[in-house]
Amino acid sequence: MSERVKEVAKEEFEQAKVLAAGAVRSQAYLYPLKGIAYFFTHRALWRPLANKLIPTLSLGLGVTVFMFAVTYVPQAAVLTIFNGPLAIVTTILLVLSEASTVFNILSKNFLIDDALIDTFDGTLLARDQAALVSRERAMKSGGDYMARLGKITRKPFERFSPKAIIRYLMYLPLNMIPVVGTVLFVILQGRKFGPTAHARYFQLKQMNKHQKEEFIESRKAAYTSFGVPAVLLELVPIAGIFFSFTNTVGAALWAADIEQKTAPGETTAPSLRSQAEAASREESRKEL
């Protein structure tokens, strides 16, 4: 049994090393920071945030204050049993994570969903990806890249499903493990955050469920490395709303880079090329 445990542990360690190496090579962890820099230097991208700033800040402040007032003391008492003096820090991180989750559920479903889509699409236009954006929304002539955005055809951002909330609650006990548990919690949250940040990109690429799953699986390490710093930024009280927009800009910059690195005639959807090749072979067979 001990040998089996060692073997499994070794396999898990090797897999973690491969994923970590892939994450470093991808440099996807830089995009949340690139998003901040790009957002600051492109004032036109400020408009969607400015239009929603006051109600969203009020919501963020209210949620954060409420969560600390109601949940900090009981959770700190429990975590003190497991974490000792570190409970002060781990409880703060836990409450911030909970407040961030509640805030994201409310804001992204009821306040800023359209604003985030506009920010993503506007960033793509600024990076010369008009052909991609025009697949899922009307385009206007004249003005800057934000002024050219017309009516949205479909909204890609998924509402929080019961499964996502249950998964989040399952991860919460990890915070009882000093330091390591909190790190694992953030990593697990980041792993889900990465693909979610590209929901609009998948829609613009018109990927079906299978194609999207293949695309995400082939970039699993990169999406996790993007998601971890993005999650940490959005955990910042109140300022998390600002980072929601900069993370969206970062995700759009990454999508634009993927498009620009794709050779002419190729596609970023893994299975589309194989489908095209199969169709070509079938056509050739019919001609014969």
Foldseek 3Di string as FASTA:
>chain_A
DVVVVVVVVVVVVVVVVVLQVLQVVVCLLCLLVVLVVVCVVDVVLCVLCVVQVVVLLVLLVVLLVVLCVPPQVVQLVVLCVQAPPCSVVLSLLLSLLVSLVVSCLPCCVPNRQVSLLLSLQLLLVVLVNVVLSVQFFAFQDDDHSSVGGHGGNDRQQDHDDPVNVVVLVVLSVLSSHPPVSSLVSLLVQQLVVLLNLCSVVCVSLVDDPVLSVVLCVVSSSNSSSNRNVLSVCLSPRSCNSVSSSSSNSSSSVVSSVVVVPADPPDGSRVCVVVVVVVVVVVVVVVVD
